[in-house]
Amino acid sequence: FVDNFGDGAHYLAKKMEESLKLITPGIMFE
């Protein structure tokens, strides 16, 4: 979905995913 909306959408989606993963220690592997 975000592929169709450019860098801004990619940035927001990435931040949302990272906010979840920061609760767990897996960010390095991801």
PDB file of all heavy atoms in Angstrom:
ATOM      1  N   PHE A   1       0.822  -1.213   0.000  1.00  0.00           N
ATOM      2  CA  PHE A   1       0.000   0.000   0.000  1.00  0.00           C
ATOM      3  C   PHE A   1       0.860   1.268   0.000  1.00  0.00           C
ATOM      4  O   PHE A   1       0.660   2.185  -0.803  1.00  0.00           O
ATOM      5  CB  PHE A   1      -0.923  -0.023   1.233  1.00  0.00           C
ATOM      6  CG  PHE A   1      -1.773   1.213   1.367  1.00  0.00           C
ATOM      7  CD1 PHE A   1      -2.895   1.389   0.566  1.00  0.00           C
ATOM      8  CD2 PHE A   1      -1.449   2.200   2.289  1.00  0.00           C
ATOM      9  CE1 PHE A   1      -3.683   2.516   0.687  1.00  0.00           C
ATOM     10  CE2 PHE A   1      -2.227   3.332   2.407  1.00  0.00           C
ATOM     11  CZ  PHE A   1      -3.350   3.499   1.610  1.00  0.00           C
ATOM     12  N   VAL A   2       1.854   1.299   0.888  1.00  0.00           N
ATOM     13  CA  VAL A   2       2.659   2.520   1.005  1.00  0.00           C
ATOM     14  C   VAL A   2       3.572   2.719  -0.189  1.00  0.00           C
ATOM     15  O   VAL A   2       4.039   3.842  -0.429  1.00  0.00           O
ATOM     16  CB  VAL A   2       3.479   2.537   2.316  1.00  0.00           C
ATOM     17  CG1 VAL A   2       2.572   2.498   3.523  1.00  0.00           C
ATOM     18  CG2 VAL A   2       4.481   1.391   2.352  1.00  0.00           C
ATOM     19  N   ASP A   3       3.828   1.640  -0.953  1.00  0.00           N
ATOM     20  CA  ASP A   3       4.639   1.797  -2.166  1.00  0.00           C
ATOM     21  C   ASP A   3       4.024   2.818  -3.124  1.00  0.00           C
ATOM     22  O   ASP A   3       4.723   3.458  -3.919  1.00  0.00           O
ATOM     23  CB  ASP A   3       4.801   0.449  -2.883  1.00  0.00           C
ATOM     24  CG  ASP A   3       5.877  -0.409  -2.233  1.00  0.00           C
ATOM     25  OD1 ASP A   3       6.678   0.151  -1.461  1.00  0.00           O
ATOM     26  OD2 ASP A   3       5.891  -1.629  -2.493  1.00  0.00           O
ATOM     27  N   ASN A   4       2.695   2.961  -3.045  1.00  0.00           N
ATOM     28  CA  ASN A   4       2.001   3.859  -3.970  1.00  0.00           C
ATOM     29  C   ASN A   4       1.955   5.316  -3.479  1.00  0.00           C
ATOM     30  O   ASN A   4       1.449   6.185  -4.176  1.00  0.00           O
ATOM     31  CB  ASN A   4       0.567   3.366  -4.192  1.00  0.00           C
ATOM     32  CG  ASN A   4       0.544   1.982  -4.808  1.00  0.00           C
ATOM     33  OD1 ASN A   4       1.315   1.693  -5.715  1.00  0.00           O
ATOM     34  ND2 ASN A   4      -0.356   1.133  -4.328  1.00  0.00           N
ATOM     35  N   PHE A   5       2.457   5.572  -2.277  1.00  0.00           N
ATOM     36  CA  PHE A   5       2.317   6.907  -1.698  1.00  0.00           C
ATOM     37  C   PHE A   5       3.647   7.575  -1.342  1.00  0.00           C
ATOM     38  O   PHE A   5       3.693   8.499  -0.551  1.00  0.00           O
ATOM     39  CB  PHE A   5       1.431   6.827  -0.440  1.00  0.00           C
ATOM     40  CG  PHE A   5      -0.004   6.557  -0.784  1.00  0.00           C
ATOM     41  CD1 PHE A   5      -0.472   5.260  -0.883  1.00  0.00           C
ATOM     42  CD2 PHE A   5      -0.891   7.600  -1.039  1.00  0.00           C
ATOM     43  CE1 PHE A   5      -1.787   4.995  -1.210  1.00  0.00           C
ATOM     44  CE2 PHE A   5      -2.211   7.336  -1.370  1.00  0.00           C
ATOM     45  CZ  PHE A   5      -2.663   6.031  -1.463  1.00  0.00           C
ATOM     46  N   GLY A   6       4.725   7.062  -1.882  1.00  0.00           N
ATOM     47  CA  GLY A   6       5.987   7.773  -1.773  1.00  0.00           C
ATOM     48  C   GLY A   6       6.681   7.651  -0.431  1.00  0.00           C
ATOM     49  O   GLY A   6       6.287   6.902   0.460  1.00  0.00           O
ATOM     50  N   ASP A   7       7.752   8.480  -0.278  1.00  0.00           N
ATOM     51  CA  ASP A   7       8.637   8.395   0.895  1.00  0.00           C
ATOM     52  C   ASP A   7       7.940   8.758   2.192  1.00  0.00           C
ATOM     53  O   ASP A   7       8.236   8.190   3.249  1.00  0.00           O
ATOM     54  CB  ASP A   7       9.845   9.323   0.693  1.00  0.00           C
ATOM     55  CG  ASP A   7      10.764   8.833  -0.422  1.00  0.00           C
ATOM     56  OD1 ASP A   7      10.678   7.640  -0.750  1.00  0.00           O
ATOM     57  OD2 ASP A   7      11.556   9.649  -0.936  1.00  0.00           O
ATOM     58  N   GLY A   8       6.996   9.707   2.130  1.00  0.00           N
ATOM     59  CA  GLY A   8       6.319  10.116   3.357  1.00  0.00           C
ATOM     60  C   GLY A   8       5.555   8.981   3.999  1.00  0.00           C
ATOM     61  O   GLY A   8       5.608   8.783   5.215  1.00  0.00           O
ATOM     62  N   ALA A   9       4.853   8.209   3.193  1.00  0.00           N
ATOM     63  CA  ALA A   9       4.091   7.066   3.717  1.00  0.00           C
ATOM     64  C   ALA A   9       5.025   5.993   4.240  1.00  0.00           C
ATOM     65  O   ALA A   9       4.756   5.366   5.271  1.00  0.00           O
ATOM     66  CB  ALA A   9       3.187   6.509   2.618  1.00  0.00           C
ATOM     67  N   HIS A  10       6.131   5.759   3.525  1.00  0.00           N
ATOM     68  CA  HIS A  10       7.123   4.779   3.994  1.00  0.00           C
ATOM     69  C   HIS A  10       7.646   5.174   5.377  1.00  0.00           C
ATOM     70  O   HIS A  10       7.784   4.343   6.276  1.00  0.00           O
ATOM     71  CB  HIS A  10       8.297   4.695   3.010  1.00  0.00           C
ATOM     72  CG  HIS A  10       8.078   3.713   1.905  1.00  0.00           C
ATOM     73  ND1 HIS A  10       8.143   2.355   2.095  1.00  0.00           N
ATOM     74  CD2 HIS A  10       7.794   3.898   0.590  1.00  0.00           C
ATOM     75  CE1 HIS A  10       7.913   1.737   0.946  1.00  0.00           C
ATOM     76  NE2 HIS A  10       7.695   2.656   0.009  1.00  0.00           N
ATOM     77  N   TYR A  11       7.926   6.453   5.530  1.00  0.00           N
ATOM     78  CA  TYR A  11       8.470   6.944   6.802  1.00  0.00           C
ATOM     79  C   TYR A  11       7.483   6.711   7.947  1.00  0.00           C
ATOM     80  O   TYR A  11       7.830   6.190   9.005  1.00  0.00           O
ATOM     81  CB  TYR A  11       8.794   8.431   6.679  1.00  0.00           C
ATOM     82  CG  TYR A  11       9.269   9.051   7.967  1.00  0.00           C
ATOM     83  CD1 TYR A  11      10.578   8.880   8.416  1.00  0.00           C
ATOM     84  CD2 TYR A  11       8.383   9.795   8.761  1.00  0.00           C
ATOM     85  CE1 TYR A  11      10.998   9.445   9.600  1.00  0.00           C
ATOM     86  CE2 TYR A  11       8.794  10.365   9.948  1.00  0.00           C
ATOM     87  CZ  TYR A  11      10.114  10.184  10.371  1.00  0.00           C
ATOM     88  OH  TYR A  11      10.525  10.733  11.547  1.00  0.00           O
ATOM     89  N   LEU A  12       6.200   7.071   7.722  1.00  0.00           N
ATOM     90  CA  LEU A  12       5.194   6.910   8.771  1.00  0.00           C
ATOM     91  C   LEU A  12       4.983   5.434   9.114  1.00  0.00           C
ATOM     92  O   LEU A  12       4.872   5.072  10.287  1.00  0.00           O
ATOM     93  CB  LEU A  12       3.879   7.545   8.318  1.00  0.00           C
ATOM     94  CG  LEU A  12       3.851   9.077   8.269  1.00  0.00           C
ATOM     95  CD1 LEU A  12       2.555   9.572   7.630  1.00  0.00           C
ATOM     96  CD2 LEU A  12       3.991   9.653   9.687  1.00  0.00           C
ATOM     97  N   ALA A  13       4.929   4.579   8.081  1.00  0.00           N
ATOM     98  CA  ALA A  13       4.709   3.150   8.321  1.00  0.00           C
ATOM     99  C   ALA A  13       5.875   2.555   9.104  1.00  0.00           C
ATOM    100  O   ALA A  13       5.680   1.744  10.022  1.00  0.00           O
ATOM    101  CB  ALA A  13       4.544   2.424   6.987  1.00  0.00           C
ATOM    102  N   LYS A  14       7.070   2.957   8.739  1.00  0.00           N
ATOM    103  CA  LYS A  14       8.258   2.429   9.423  1.00  0.00           C
ATOM    104  C   LYS A  14       8.256   2.841  10.896  1.00  0.00           C
ATOM    105  O   LYS A  14       8.556   2.046  11.787  1.00  0.00           O
ATOM    106  CB  LYS A  14       9.518   2.925   8.722  1.00  0.00           C
ATOM    107  CG  LYS A  14      10.817   2.360   9.299  1.00  0.00           C
ATOM    108  CD  LYS A  14      12.013   2.780   8.473  1.00  0.00           C
ATOM    109  CE  LYS A  14      13.305   2.226   9.053  1.00  0.00           C
ATOM    110  NZ  LYS A  14      13.357   0.769   9.054  1.00  0.00           N
ATOM    111  N   LYS A  15       7.900   4.097  11.157  1.00  0.00           N
ATOM    112  CA  LYS A  15       7.886   4.567  12.530  1.00  0.00           C
ATOM    113  C   LYS A  15       6.841   3.828  13.363  1.00  0.00           C
ATOM    114  O   LYS A  15       7.062   3.508  14.534  1.00  0.00           O
ATOM    115  CB  LYS A  15       7.595   6.079  12.562  1.00  0.00           C
ATOM    116  CG  LYS A  15       8.787   6.933  12.134  1.00  0.00           C
ATOM    117  CD  LYS A  15       9.956   6.749  13.087  1.00  0.00           C
ATOM    118  CE  LYS A  15      11.157   7.576  12.686  1.00  0.00           C
ATOM    119  NZ  LYS A  15      12.324   7.293  13.546  1.00  0.00           N
ATOM    120  N   MET A  16       5.687   3.548  12.764  1.00  0.00           N
ATOM    121  CA  MET A  16       4.641   2.808  13.486  1.00  0.00           C
ATOM    122  C   MET A  16       5.122   1.408  13.839  1.00  0.00           C
ATOM    123  O   MET A  16       4.923   0.921  14.956  1.00  0.00           O
ATOM    124  CB  MET A  16       3.366   2.729  12.633  1.00  0.00           C
ATOM    125  CG  MET A  16       2.607   4.042  12.521  1.00  0.00           C
ATOM    126  SD  MET A  16       1.147   3.898  11.471  1.00  0.00           S
ATOM    127  CE  MET A  16       0.181   2.732  12.402  1.00  0.00           C
ATOM    128  N   GLU A  17       5.773   0.725  12.875  1.00  0.00           N
ATOM    129  CA  GLU A  17       6.257  -0.630  13.127  1.00  0.00           C
ATOM    130  C   GLU A  17       7.340  -0.624  14.197  1.00  0.00           C
ATOM    131  O   GLU A  17       7.343  -1.455  15.109  1.00  0.00           O
ATOM    132  CB  GLU A  17       6.792  -1.248  11.835  1.00  0.00           C
ATOM    133  CG  GLU A  17       7.244  -2.699  12.022  1.00  0.00           C
ATOM    134  CD  GLU A  17       7.768  -3.328  10.734  1.00  0.00           C
ATOM    135  OE1 GLU A  17       8.310  -2.596   9.896  1.00  0.00           O
ATOM    136  OE2 GLU A  17       7.639  -4.549  10.609  1.00  0.00           O
ATOM    137  N   GLU A  18       8.248   0.351  14.113  1.00  0.00           N
ATOM    138  CA  GLU A  18       9.344   0.402  15.082  1.00  0.00           C
ATOM    139  C   GLU A  18       8.839   0.706  16.479  1.00  0.00           C
ATOM    140  O   GLU A  18       9.387   0.224  17.470  1.00  0.00           O
ATOM    141  CB  GLU A  18      10.374   1.445  14.648  1.00  0.00           C
ATOM    142  CG  GLU A  18      11.236   0.986  13.469  1.00  0.00           C
ATOM    143  CD  GLU A  18      12.278   2.022  13.060  1.00  0.00           C
ATOM    144  OE1 GLU A  18      12.323   3.095  13.711  1.00  0.00           O
ATOM    145  OE2 GLU A  18      13.029   1.757  12.109  1.00  0.00           O
ATOM    146  N   SER A  19       7.801   1.482  16.575  1.00  0.00           N
ATOM    147  CA  SER A  19       7.256   1.797  17.899  1.00  0.00           C
ATOM    148  C   SER A  19       6.732   0.545  18.588  1.00  0.00           C
ATOM    149  O   SER A  19       6.766   0.441  19.812  1.00  0.00           O
ATOM    150  CB  SER A  19       6.139   2.836  17.784  1.00  0.00           C
ATOM    151  OG  SER A  19       5.012   2.297  17.113  1.00  0.00           O
ATOM    152  N   LEU A  20       6.242  -0.415  17.786  1.00  0.00           N
ATOM    153  CA  LEU A  20       5.822  -1.694  18.361  1.00  0.00           C
ATOM    154  C   LEU A  20       7.034  -2.535  18.746  1.00  0.00           C
ATOM    155  O   LEU A  20       7.106  -3.091  19.831  1.00  0.00           O
ATOM    156  CB  LEU A  20       4.958  -2.464  17.360  1.00  0.00           C
ATOM    157  CG  LEU A  20       3.493  -2.032  17.213  1.00  0.00           C
ATOM    158  CD1 LEU A  20       2.854  -2.819  16.087  1.00  0.00           C
ATOM    159  CD2 LEU A  20       2.736  -2.242  18.520  1.00  0.00           C
ATOM    160  N   LYS A  21       8.007  -2.597  17.836  1.00  0.00           N
ATOM    161  CA  LYS A  21       9.136  -3.505  18.063  1.00  0.00           C
ATOM    162  C   LYS A  21      10.065  -3.039  19.176  1.00  0.00           C
ATOM    163  O   LYS A  21      10.791  -3.835  19.760  1.00  0.00           O
ATOM    164  CB  LYS A  21       9.929  -3.686  16.761  1.00  0.00           C
ATOM    165  CG  LYS A  21       9.195  -4.562  15.769  1.00  0.00           C
ATOM    166  CD  LYS A  21       9.945  -4.653  14.479  1.00  0.00           C
ATOM    167  CE  LYS A  21       9.136  -5.450  13.470  1.00  0.00           C
ATOM    168  NZ  LYS A  21       9.698  -5.337  12.129  1.00  0.00           N
ATOM    169  N   LEU A  22      10.063  -1.750  19.453  1.00  0.00           N
ATOM    170  CA  LEU A  22      10.916  -1.258  20.525  1.00  0.00           C
ATOM    171  C   LEU A  22      10.494  -1.798  21.883  1.00  0.00           C
ATOM    172  O   LEU A  22      11.260  -1.762  22.841  1.00  0.00           O
ATOM    173  CB  LEU A  22      10.924   0.272  20.536  1.00  0.00           C
ATOM    174  CG  LEU A  22      11.796   0.928  19.459  1.00  0.00           C
ATOM    175  CD1 LEU A  22      11.585   2.430  19.447  1.00  0.00           C
ATOM    176  CD2 LEU A  22      13.264   0.589  19.668  1.00  0.00           C
ATOM    177  N   ILE A  23       9.251  -2.300  21.964  1.00  0.00           N
ATOM    178  CA  ILE A  23       8.806  -2.922  23.211  1.00  0.00           C
ATOM    179  C   ILE A  23       9.538  -4.245  23.421  1.00  0.00           C
ATOM    180  O   ILE A  23       9.702  -4.712  24.534  1.00  0.00           O
ATOM    181  CB  ILE A  23       7.273  -3.134  23.193  1.00  0.00           C
ATOM    182  CG1 ILE A  23       6.579  -1.781  23.019  1.00  0.00           C
ATOM    183  CG2 ILE A  23       6.793  -3.807  24.465  1.00  0.00           C
ATOM    184  CD1 ILE A  23       5.087  -1.882  22.821  1.00  0.00           C
ATOM    185  N   THR A  24       9.989  -4.865  22.325  1.00  0.00           N
ATOM    186  CA  THR A  24      10.758  -6.106  22.403  1.00  0.00           C
ATOM    187  C   THR A  24      12.187  -5.834  21.952  1.00  0.00           C
ATOM    188  O   THR A  24      12.472  -4.817  21.329  1.00  0.00           O
ATOM    189  CB  THR A  24      10.136  -7.195  21.499  1.00  0.00           C
ATOM    190  OG1 THR A  24      10.381  -6.846  20.140  1.00  0.00           O
ATOM    191  CG2 THR A  24       8.663  -7.348  21.758  1.00  0.00           C
ATOM    192  N   PRO A  25      13.125  -6.734  22.227  1.00  0.00           N
ATOM    193  CA  PRO A  25      14.531  -6.484  21.893  1.00  0.00           C
ATOM    194  C   PRO A  25      14.920  -6.909  20.490  1.00  0.00           C
ATOM    195  O   PRO A  25      16.092  -7.043  20.194  1.00  0.00           O
ATOM    196  CB  PRO A  25      15.260  -7.339  22.935  1.00  0.00           C
ATOM    197  CG  PRO A  25      14.352  -8.493  23.157  1.00  0.00           C
ATOM    198  CD  PRO A  25      12.953  -7.942  23.044  1.00  0.00           C
ATOM    199  N   GLY A  26      13.960  -7.091  19.593  1.00  0.00           N
ATOM    200  CA  GLY A  26      14.273  -7.644  18.276  1.00  0.00           C
ATOM    201  C   GLY A  26      14.633  -6.651  17.210  1.00  0.00           C
ATOM    202  O   GLY A  26      14.836  -7.023  16.060  1.00  0.00           O
ATOM    203  N   ILE A  27      14.732  -5.368  17.578  1.00  0.00           N
ATOM    204  CA  ILE A  27      14.949  -4.348  16.557  1.00  0.00           C
ATOM    205  C   ILE A  27      16.245  -4.598  15.775  1.00  0.00           C
ATOM    206  O   ILE A  27      16.303  -4.379  14.563  1.00  0.00           O
ATOM    207  CB  ILE A  27      14.938  -2.927  17.191  1.00  0.00           C
ATOM    208  CG1 ILE A  27      14.983  -1.842  16.114  1.00  0.00           C
ATOM    209  CG2 ILE A  27      16.055  -2.761  18.194  1.00  0.00           C
ATOM    210  CD1 ILE A  27      13.735  -1.767  15.294  1.00  0.00           C
ATOM    211  N   MET A  28      17.299  -5.061  16.448  1.00  0.00           N
ATOM    212  CA  MET A  28      18.575  -5.297  15.768  1.00  0.00           C
ATOM    213  C   MET A  28      18.415  -6.336  14.667  1.00  0.00           C
ATOM    214  O   MET A  28      18.888  -6.146  13.539  1.00  0.00           O
ATOM    215  CB  MET A  28      19.629  -5.764  16.762  1.00  0.00           C
ATOM    216  CG  MET A  28      20.974  -6.107  16.113  1.00  0.00           C
ATOM    217  SD  MET A  28      22.170  -6.731  17.292  1.00  0.00           S
ATOM    218  CE  MET A  28      21.512  -8.364  17.638  1.00  0.00           C
ATOM    219  N   PHE A  29      17.738  -7.445  14.971  1.00  0.00           N
ATOM    220  CA  PHE A  29      17.564  -8.504  13.984  1.00  0.00           C
ATOM    221  C   PHE A  29      16.661  -8.043  12.838  1.00  0.00           C
ATOM    222  O   PHE A  29      16.918  -8.355  11.677  1.00  0.00           O
ATOM    223  CB  PHE A  29      16.991  -9.757  14.647  1.00  0.00           C
ATOM    224  CG  PHE A  29      17.854 -10.293  15.750  1.00  0.00           C
ATOM    225  CD1 PHE A  29      17.412 -10.302  17.067  1.00  0.00           C
ATOM    226  CD2 PHE A  29      19.126 -10.791  15.490  1.00  0.00           C
ATOM    227  CE1 PHE A  29      18.196 -10.780  18.085  1.00  0.00           C
ATOM    228  CE2 PHE A  29      19.925 -11.271  16.507  1.00  0.00           C
ATOM    229  CZ  PHE A  29      19.464 -11.266  17.817  1.00  0.00           C
ATOM    230  N   GLU A  30      15.608  -7.314  13.172  1.00  0.00           N
ATOM    231  CA  GLU A  30      14.708  -6.817  12.135  1.00  0.00           C
ATOM    232  C   GLU A  30      15.435  -5.859  11.197  1.00  0.00           C
ATOM    233  O   GLU A  30      15.211  -5.863   9.988  1.00  0.00           O
ATOM    234  CB  GLU A  30      13.506  -6.112  12.781  1.00  0.00           C
ATOM    235  CG  GLU A  30      12.551  -7.054  13.508  1.00  0.00           C
ATOM    236  CD  GLU A  30      11.547  -7.713  12.574  1.00  0.00           C
ATOM    237  OE1 GLU A  30      11.513  -7.357  11.381  1.00  0.00           O
ATOM    238  OE2 GLU A  30      10.791  -8.587  13.040  1.00  0.00           O
TER     239      GLU A  30
END
